[in-house]
Amino acid sequence: MTDSNTQPASDDSGEVLGGESGGTTEKNPQDWVTGDEPMTGAQRSYLDTLARDAGETLSADLTKAEASEQIERLQDDTGRSS
């Protein structure tokens, strides 16, 4: 049985996943290792929805990084920011 106040187990690097929010770092999409790969199907679908809501058209050949940046911008523009 685990006490909810105990610290989570971690590997030798000291890194942990989960826990309280605020401890994560966000990587700039341009710094992603796979950022220059084509956007994912999920990104494409969500961008299509956001672009329609914003009354915009976007290129269908965006990279993962470009798609992420457009998603963030359109979320702000359409009031869908998290």
PDB file of N, CA and C in Angstrom:
ATOM      1  N   MET A   1       0.850  -1.177   0.000  1.00  0.00           N
ATOM      2  CA  MET A   1       0.000   0.000   0.000  1.00  0.00           C
ATOM      3  C   MET A   1       0.892   1.235   0.000  1.00  0.00           C
ATOM      4  N   THR A   2       0.557   2.196  -0.832  1.00  0.00           N
ATOM      5  CA  THR A   2       1.366   3.400  -0.971  1.00  0.00           C
ATOM      6  C   THR A   2       0.634   4.585  -0.373  1.00  0.00           C
ATOM      7  N   ASP A   3       1.329   5.334   0.449  1.00  0.00           N
ATOM      8  CA  ASP A   3       0.793   6.548   1.037  1.00  0.00           C
ATOM      9  C   ASP A   3       0.761   7.631  -0.035  1.00  0.00           C
ATOM     10  N   SER A   4      -0.326   8.365  -0.155  1.00  0.00           N
ATOM     11  CA  SER A   4      -0.455   9.382  -1.197  1.00  0.00           C
ATOM     12  C   SER A   4       0.529  10.535  -1.012  1.00  0.00           C
ATOM     13  N   ASN A   5       1.164  10.638   0.130  1.00  0.00           N
ATOM     14  CA  ASN A   5       2.115  11.716   0.370  1.00  0.00           C
ATOM     15  C   ASN A   5       3.554  11.304   0.102  1.00  0.00           C
ATOM     16  N   THR A   6       3.784  10.073  -0.279  1.00  0.00           N
ATOM     17  CA  THR A   6       5.147   9.643  -0.530  1.00  0.00           C
ATOM     18  C   THR A   6       5.602  10.100  -1.897  1.00  0.00           C
ATOM     19  N   GLN A   7       6.894  10.226  -2.080  1.00  0.00           N
ATOM     20  CA  GLN A   7       7.457  10.632  -3.355  1.00  0.00           C
ATOM     21  C   GLN A   7       7.409   9.460  -4.328  1.00  0.00           C
ATOM     22  N   PRO A   8       7.159   9.742  -5.610  1.00  0.00           N
ATOM     23  CA  PRO A   8       7.128   8.665  -6.589  1.00  0.00           C
ATOM     24  C   PRO A   8       8.512   8.090  -6.812  1.00  0.00           C
ATOM     25  N   ALA A   9       8.545   6.828  -7.198  1.00  0.00           N
ATOM     26  CA  ALA A   9       9.811   6.186  -7.511  1.00  0.00           C
ATOM     27  C   ALA A   9      10.371   6.808  -8.777  1.00  0.00           C
ATOM     28  N   SER A  10      11.684   6.879  -8.892  1.00  0.00           N
ATOM     29  CA  SER A  10      12.307   7.427 -10.082  1.00  0.00           C
ATOM     30  C   SER A  10      13.452   6.527 -10.503  1.00  0.00           C
ATOM     31  N   ASP A  11      13.927   6.731 -11.726  1.00  0.00           N
ATOM     32  CA  ASP A  11      15.069   5.963 -12.183  1.00  0.00           C
ATOM     33  C   ASP A  11      16.343   6.623 -11.685  1.00  0.00           C
ATOM     34  N   ASP A  12      17.481   6.152 -12.128  1.00  0.00           N
ATOM     35  CA  ASP A  12      18.763   6.677 -11.659  1.00  0.00           C
ATOM     36  C   ASP A  12      19.023   8.118 -12.069  1.00  0.00           C
ATOM     37  N   SER A  13      18.318   8.612 -13.090  1.00  0.00           N
ATOM     38  CA  SER A  13      18.542   9.978 -13.557  1.00  0.00           C
ATOM     39  C   SER A  13      17.906  11.015 -12.641  1.00  0.00           C
ATOM     40  N   GLY A  14      16.996  10.574 -11.755  1.00  0.00           N
ATOM     41  CA  GLY A  14      16.310  11.506 -10.883  1.00  0.00           C
ATOM     42  C   GLY A  14      15.065  12.103 -11.496  1.00  0.00           C
ATOM     43  N   GLU A  15      14.781  11.794 -12.762  1.00  0.00           N
ATOM     44  CA  GLU A  15      13.591  12.315 -13.423  1.00  0.00           C
ATOM     45  C   GLU A  15      12.364  11.529 -13.020  1.00  0.00           C
ATOM     46  N   VAL A  16      11.243  12.212 -12.906  1.00  0.00           N
ATOM     47  CA  VAL A  16       9.965  11.563 -12.637  1.00  0.00           C
ATOM     48  C   VAL A  16       8.933  12.109 -13.593  1.00  0.00           C
ATOM     49  N   LEU A  17       7.899  11.350 -13.834  1.00  0.00           N
ATOM     50  CA  LEU A  17       6.781  11.790 -14.655  1.00  0.00           C
ATOM     51  C   LEU A  17       5.561  11.919 -13.776  1.00  0.00           C
ATOM     52  N   GLY A  18       4.663  12.819 -14.116  1.00  0.00           N
ATOM     53  CA  GLY A  18       3.453  12.994 -13.327  1.00  0.00           C
ATOM     54  C   GLY A  18       3.714  13.882 -12.132  1.00  0.00           C
ATOM     55  N   GLY A  19       2.925  13.702 -11.110  1.00  0.00           N
ATOM     56  CA  GLY A  19       3.064  14.521  -9.918  1.00  0.00           C
ATOM     57  C   GLY A  19       2.367  15.851 -10.086  1.00  0.00           C
ATOM     58  N   GLU A  20       2.759  16.807  -9.299  1.00  0.00           N
ATOM     59  CA  GLU A  20       2.142  18.124  -9.337  1.00  0.00           C
ATOM     60  C   GLU A  20       2.526  18.857 -10.603  1.00  0.00           C
ATOM     61  N   SER A  21       1.600  19.647 -11.131  1.00  0.00           N
ATOM     62  CA  SER A  21       1.884  20.412 -12.342  1.00  0.00           C
ATOM     63  C   SER A  21       2.832  21.552 -12.037  1.00  0.00           C
ATOM     64  N   GLY A  22       3.404  22.093 -13.077  1.00  0.00           N
ATOM     65  CA  GLY A  22       4.316  23.212 -12.919  1.00  0.00           C
ATOM     66  C   GLY A  22       5.770  22.808 -12.976  1.00  0.00           C
ATOM     67  N   GLY A  23       6.060  21.521 -12.875  1.00  0.00           N
ATOM     68  CA  GLY A  23       7.431  21.069 -12.895  1.00  0.00           C
ATOM     69  C   GLY A  23       7.898  20.620 -14.263  1.00  0.00           C
ATOM     70  N   THR A  24       7.042  20.694 -15.248  1.00  0.00           N
ATOM     71  CA  THR A  24       7.435  20.234 -16.573  1.00  0.00           C
ATOM     72  C   THR A  24       8.001  21.386 -17.382  1.00  0.00           C
ATOM     73  N   THR A  25       8.827  21.037 -18.325  1.00  0.00           N
ATOM     74  CA  THR A  25       9.358  22.054 -19.222  1.00  0.00           C
ATOM     75  C   THR A  25       8.787  21.820 -20.605  1.00  0.00           C
ATOM     76  N   GLU A  26       8.501  22.905 -21.294  1.00  0.00           N
ATOM     77  CA  GLU A  26       7.998  22.805 -22.654  1.00  0.00           C
ATOM     78  C   GLU A  26       9.137  23.077 -23.597  1.00  0.00           C
ATOM     79  N   LYS A  27       9.230  22.249 -24.611  1.00  0.00           N
ATOM     80  CA  LYS A  27      10.257  22.419 -25.616  1.00  0.00           C
ATOM     81  C   LYS A  27       9.673  23.175 -26.796  1.00  0.00           C
ATOM     82  N   ASN A  28      10.409  24.123 -27.308  1.00  0.00           N
ATOM     83  CA  ASN A  28       9.992  24.860 -28.483  1.00  0.00           C
ATOM     84  C   ASN A  28       9.832  23.871 -29.630  1.00  0.00           C
ATOM     85  N   PRO A  29       8.713  23.906 -30.359  1.00  0.00           N
ATOM     86  CA  PRO A  29       8.517  22.963 -31.456  1.00  0.00           C
ATOM     87  C   PRO A  29       9.661  22.950 -32.469  1.00  0.00           C
ATOM     88  N   GLN A  30      10.321  24.070 -32.678  1.00  0.00           N
ATOM     89  CA  GLN A  30      11.441  24.111 -33.622  1.00  0.00           C
ATOM     90  C   GLN A  30      12.638  23.303 -33.117  1.00  0.00           C
ATOM     91  N   ASP A  31      12.663  22.989 -31.820  1.00  0.00           N
ATOM     92  CA  ASP A  31      13.752  22.203 -31.240  1.00  0.00           C
ATOM     93  C   ASP A  31      13.429  20.713 -31.164  1.00  0.00           C
ATOM     94  N   TRP A  32      12.244  20.321 -31.598  1.00  0.00           N
ATOM     95  CA  TRP A  32      11.874  18.912 -31.560  1.00  0.00           C
ATOM     96  C   TRP A  32      12.750  18.117 -32.504  1.00  0.00           C
ATOM     97  N   VAL A  33      13.132  16.930 -32.094  1.00  0.00           N
ATOM     98  CA  VAL A  33      13.926  16.047 -32.939  1.00  0.00           C
ATOM     99  C   VAL A  33      13.129  15.669 -34.191  1.00  0.00           C
ATOM    100  N   THR A  34      11.830  15.459 -34.040  1.00  0.00           N
ATOM    101  CA  THR A  34      10.982  15.058 -35.167  1.00  0.00           C
ATOM    102  C   THR A  34      10.166  16.225 -35.715  1.00  0.00           C
ATOM    103  N   GLY A  35      10.535  17.431 -35.374  1.00  0.00           N
ATOM    104  CA  GLY A  35       9.765  18.603 -35.772  1.00  0.00           C
ATOM    105  C   GLY A  35       9.691  18.834 -37.263  1.00  0.00           C
ATOM    106  N   ASP A  36      10.668  18.301 -38.006  1.00  0.00           N
ATOM    107  CA  ASP A  36      10.652  18.515 -39.450  1.00  0.00           C
ATOM    108  C   ASP A  36       9.909  17.409 -40.201  1.00  0.00           C
ATOM    109  N   GLU A  37       9.366  16.441 -39.479  1.00  0.00           N
ATOM    110  CA  GLU A  37       8.558  15.398 -40.109  1.00  0.00           C
ATOM    111  C   GLU A  37       7.165  15.955 -40.421  1.00  0.00           C
ATOM    112  N   PRO A  38       6.451  15.326 -41.365  1.00  0.00           N
ATOM    113  CA  PRO A  38       5.097  15.794 -41.679  1.00  0.00           C
ATOM    114  C   PRO A  38       4.196  15.752 -40.446  1.00  0.00           C
ATOM    115  N   MET A  39       3.232  16.670 -40.390  1.00  0.00           N
ATOM    116  CA  MET A  39       2.309  16.691 -39.252  1.00  0.00           C
ATOM    117  C   MET A  39       1.582  15.355 -39.136  1.00  0.00           C
ATOM    118  N   THR A  40       1.140  15.075 -37.935  1.00  0.00           N
ATOM    119  CA  THR A  40       0.425  13.827 -37.686  1.00  0.00           C
ATOM    120  C   THR A  40      -1.020  13.952 -38.162  1.00  0.00           C
ATOM    121  N   GLY A  41      -1.684  12.824 -38.258  1.00  0.00           N
ATOM    122  CA  GLY A  41      -3.092  12.824 -38.638  1.00  0.00           C
ATOM    123  C   GLY A  41      -3.944  13.585 -37.642  1.00  0.00           C
ATOM    124  N   ALA A  42      -3.607  13.443 -36.361  1.00  0.00           N
ATOM    125  CA  ALA A  42      -4.360  14.153 -35.326  1.00  0.00           C
ATOM    126  C   ALA A  42      -4.172  15.663 -35.459  1.00  0.00           C
ATOM    127  N   GLN A  43      -2.929  16.093 -35.718  1.00  0.00           N
ATOM    128  CA  GLN A  43      -2.682  17.519 -35.916  1.00  0.00           C
ATOM    129  C   GLN A  43      -3.460  18.038 -37.124  1.00  0.00           C
ATOM    130  N   ARG A  44      -3.435  17.274 -38.197  1.00  0.00           N
ATOM    131  CA  ARG A  44      -4.120  17.672 -39.433  1.00  0.00           C
ATOM    132  C   ARG A  44      -5.617  17.847 -39.192  1.00  0.00           C
ATOM    133  N   SER A  45      -6.209  16.886 -38.506  1.00  0.00           N
ATOM    134  CA  SER A  45      -7.643  16.938 -38.227  1.00  0.00           C
ATOM    135  C   SER A  45      -7.988  18.140 -37.345  1.00  0.00           C
ATOM    136  N   TYR A  46      -7.208  18.336 -36.289  1.00  0.00           N
ATOM    137  CA  TYR A  46      -7.485  19.445 -35.364  1.00  0.00           C
ATOM    138  C   TYR A  46      -7.253  20.789 -36.053  1.00  0.00           C
ATOM    139  N   LEU A  47      -6.193  20.878 -36.849  1.00  0.00           N
ATOM    140  CA  LEU A  47      -5.938  22.121 -37.583  1.00  0.00           C
ATOM    141  C   LEU A  47      -7.064  22.431 -38.548  1.00  0.00           C
ATOM    142  N   ASP A  48      -7.606  21.415 -39.192  1.00  0.00           N
ATOM    143  CA  ASP A  48      -8.720  21.617 -40.103  1.00  0.00           C
ATOM    144  C   ASP A  48      -9.902  22.238 -39.357  1.00  0.00           C
ATOM    145  N   THR A  49     -10.203  21.693 -38.190  1.00  0.00           N
ATOM    146  CA  THR A  49     -11.298  22.215 -37.371  1.00  0.00           C
ATOM    147  C   THR A  49     -11.026  23.650 -36.938  1.00  0.00           C
ATOM    148  N   LEU A  50      -9.826  23.894 -36.411  1.00  0.00           N
ATOM    149  CA  LEU A  50      -9.486  25.236 -35.935  1.00  0.00           C
ATOM    150  C   LEU A  50      -9.484  26.254 -37.072  1.00  0.00           C
ATOM    151  N   ALA A  51      -8.923  25.883 -38.218  1.00  0.00           N
ATOM    152  CA  ALA A  51      -8.859  26.798 -39.354  1.00  0.00           C
ATOM    153  C   ALA A  51     -10.263  27.149 -39.840  1.00  0.00           C
ATOM    154  N   ARG A  52     -11.149  26.163 -39.881  1.00  0.00           N
ATOM    155  CA  ARG A  52     -12.538  26.436 -40.282  1.00  0.00           C
ATOM    156  C   ARG A  52     -13.194  27.406 -39.300  1.00  0.00           C
ATOM    157  N   ASP A  53     -12.999  27.153 -38.005  1.00  0.00           N
ATOM    158  CA  ASP A  53     -13.578  28.032 -36.984  1.00  0.00           C
ATOM    159  C   ASP A  53     -13.043  29.457 -37.103  1.00  0.00           C
ATOM    160  N   ALA A  54     -11.774  29.582 -37.490  1.00  0.00           N
ATOM    161  CA  ALA A  54     -11.149  30.901 -37.603  1.00  0.00           C
ATOM    162  C   ALA A  54     -11.368  31.527 -38.978  1.00  0.00           C
ATOM    163  N   GLY A  55     -11.963  30.773 -39.908  1.00  0.00           N
ATOM    164  CA  GLY A  55     -12.177  31.284 -41.250  1.00  0.00           C
ATOM    165  C   GLY A  55     -10.896  31.423 -42.044  1.00  0.00           C
ATOM    166  N   GLU A  56      -9.933  30.541 -41.775  1.00  0.00           N
ATOM    167  CA  GLU A  56      -8.630  30.594 -42.438  1.00  0.00           C
ATOM    168  C   GLU A  56      -8.397  29.337 -43.257  1.00  0.00           C
ATOM    169  N   THR A  57      -7.447  29.421 -44.163  1.00  0.00           N
ATOM    170  CA  THR A  57      -6.952  28.243 -44.865  1.00  0.00           C
ATOM    171  C   THR A  57      -5.470  28.117 -44.557  1.00  0.00           C
ATOM    172  N   LEU A  58      -5.015  26.893 -44.436  1.00  0.00           N
ATOM    173  CA  LEU A  58      -3.609  26.614 -44.147  1.00  0.00           C
ATOM    174  C   LEU A  58      -3.082  25.599 -45.140  1.00  0.00           C
ATOM    175  N   SER A  59      -1.788  25.609 -45.354  1.00  0.00           N
ATOM    176  CA  SER A  59      -1.150  24.621 -46.205  1.00  0.00           C
ATOM    177  C   SER A  59      -1.326  23.240 -45.582  1.00  0.00           C
ATOM    178  N   ALA A  60      -1.528  22.238 -46.408  1.00  0.00           N
ATOM    179  CA  ALA A  60      -1.712  20.878 -45.913  1.00  0.00           C
ATOM    180  C   ALA A  60      -0.385  20.138 -45.778  1.00  0.00           C
ATOM    181  N   ASP A  61       0.721  20.784 -46.079  1.00  0.00           N
ATOM    182  CA  ASP A  61       2.013  20.101 -45.997  1.00  0.00           C
ATOM    183  C   ASP A  61       2.912  20.671 -44.889  1.00  0.00           C
ATOM    184  N   LEU A  62       2.316  21.019 -43.762  1.00  0.00           N
ATOM    185  CA  LEU A  62       3.079  21.548 -42.629  1.00  0.00           C
ATOM    186  C   LEU A  62       3.874  20.439 -41.949  1.00  0.00           C
ATOM    187  N   THR A  63       4.959  20.827 -41.298  1.00  0.00           N
ATOM    188  CA  THR A  63       5.707  19.892 -40.466  1.00  0.00           C
ATOM    189  C   THR A  63       5.029  19.785 -39.101  1.00  0.00           C
ATOM    190  N   LYS A  64       5.472  18.844 -38.295  1.00  0.00           N
ATOM    191  CA  LYS A  64       4.931  18.700 -36.940  1.00  0.00           C
ATOM    192  C   LYS A  64       5.120  19.995 -36.152  1.00  0.00           C
ATOM    193  N   ALA A  65       6.300  20.588 -36.266  1.00  0.00           N
ATOM    194  CA  ALA A  65       6.587  21.823 -35.523  1.00  0.00           C
ATOM    195  C   ALA A  65       5.709  22.973 -36.012  1.00  0.00           C
ATOM    196  N   GLU A  66       5.592  23.119 -37.328  1.00  0.00           N
ATOM    197  CA  GLU A  66       4.760  24.186 -37.881  1.00  0.00           C
ATOM    198  C   GLU A  66       3.295  23.989 -37.493  1.00  0.00           C
ATOM    199  N   ALA A  67       2.843  22.750 -37.552  1.00  0.00           N
ATOM    200  CA  ALA A  67       1.457  22.459 -37.184  1.00  0.00           C
ATOM    201  C   ALA A  67       1.209  22.812 -35.721  1.00  0.00           C
ATOM    202  N   SER A  68       2.145  22.474 -34.860  1.00  0.00           N
ATOM    203  CA  SER A  68       2.002  22.775 -33.442  1.00  0.00           C
ATOM    204  C   SER A  68       1.896  24.282 -33.209  1.00  0.00           C
ATOM    205  N   GLU A  69       2.725  25.038 -33.903  1.00  0.00           N
ATOM    206  CA  GLU A  69       2.688  26.491 -33.765  1.00  0.00           C
ATOM    207  C   GLU A  69       1.372  27.060 -34.276  1.00  0.00           C
ATOM    208  N   GLN A  70       0.881  26.538 -35.387  1.00  0.00           N
ATOM    209  CA  GLN A  70      -0.400  27.003 -35.932  1.00  0.00           C
ATOM    210  C   GLN A  70      -1.549  26.630 -34.998  1.00  0.00           C
ATOM    211  N   ILE A  71      -1.495  25.443 -34.417  1.00  0.00           N
ATOM    212  CA  ILE A  71      -2.530  25.022 -33.466  1.00  0.00           C
ATOM    213  C   ILE A  71      -2.570  25.992 -32.289  1.00  0.00           C
ATOM    214  N   GLU A  72      -1.418  26.300 -31.756  1.00  0.00           N
ATOM    215  CA  GLU A  72      -1.356  27.218 -30.614  1.00  0.00           C
ATOM    216  C   GLU A  72      -1.923  28.589 -30.986  1.00  0.00           C
ATOM    217  N   ARG A  73      -1.533  29.093 -32.149  1.00  0.00           N
ATOM    218  CA  ARG A  73      -2.017  30.404 -32.597  1.00  0.00           C
ATOM    219  C   ARG A  73      -3.528  30.392 -32.808  1.00  0.00           C
ATOM    220  N   LEU A  74      -4.022  29.358 -33.482  1.00  0.00           N
ATOM    221  CA  LEU A  74      -5.452  29.292 -33.766  1.00  0.00           C
ATOM    222  C   LEU A  74      -6.279  29.038 -32.509  1.00  0.00           C
ATOM    223  N   GLN A  75      -5.724  28.304 -31.564  1.00  0.00           N
ATOM    224  CA  GLN A  75      -6.433  28.125 -30.289  1.00  0.00           C
ATOM    225  C   GLN A  75      -6.624  29.471 -29.620  1.00  0.00           C
ATOM    226  N   ASP A  76      -5.605  30.296 -29.634  1.00  0.00           N
ATOM    227  CA  ASP A  76      -5.715  31.640 -29.050  1.00  0.00           C
ATOM    228  C   ASP A  76      -6.748  32.473 -29.823  1.00  0.00           C
ATOM    229  N   ASP A  77      -6.663  32.419 -31.156  1.00  0.00           N
ATOM    230  CA  ASP A  77      -7.553  33.218 -32.006  1.00  0.00           C
ATOM    231  C   ASP A  77      -9.018  32.804 -31.866  1.00  0.00           C
ATOM    232  N   THR A  78      -9.270  31.511 -31.636  1.00  0.00           N
ATOM    233  CA  THR A  78     -10.639  31.015 -31.570  1.00  0.00           C
ATOM    234  C   THR A  78     -11.145  30.853 -30.146  1.00  0.00           C
ATOM    235  N   GLY A  79     -10.320  31.199 -29.160  1.00  0.00           N
ATOM    236  CA  GLY A  79     -10.732  31.071 -27.767  1.00  0.00           C
ATOM    237  C   GLY A  79     -10.715  29.654 -27.247  1.00  0.00           C
ATOM    238  N   ARG A  80      -9.977  28.775 -27.915  1.00  0.00           N
ATOM    239  CA  ARG A  80      -9.885  27.377 -27.481  1.00  0.00           C
ATOM    240  C   ARG A  80      -8.602  27.082 -26.722  1.00  0.00           C
ATOM    241  N   SER A  81      -7.939  28.107 -26.234  1.00  0.00           N
ATOM    242  CA  SER A  81      -6.691  27.896 -25.484  1.00  0.00           C
ATOM    243  C   SER A  81      -6.972  27.109 -24.229  1.00  0.00           C
ATOM    244  N   SER A  82      -5.985  26.332 -23.846  1.00  0.00           N
ATOM    245  CA  SER A  82      -6.160  25.554 -22.605  1.00  0.00           C
ATOM    246  C   SER A  82      -5.636  26.281 -21.406  1.00  0.00           C
TER     247      SER A  82
END
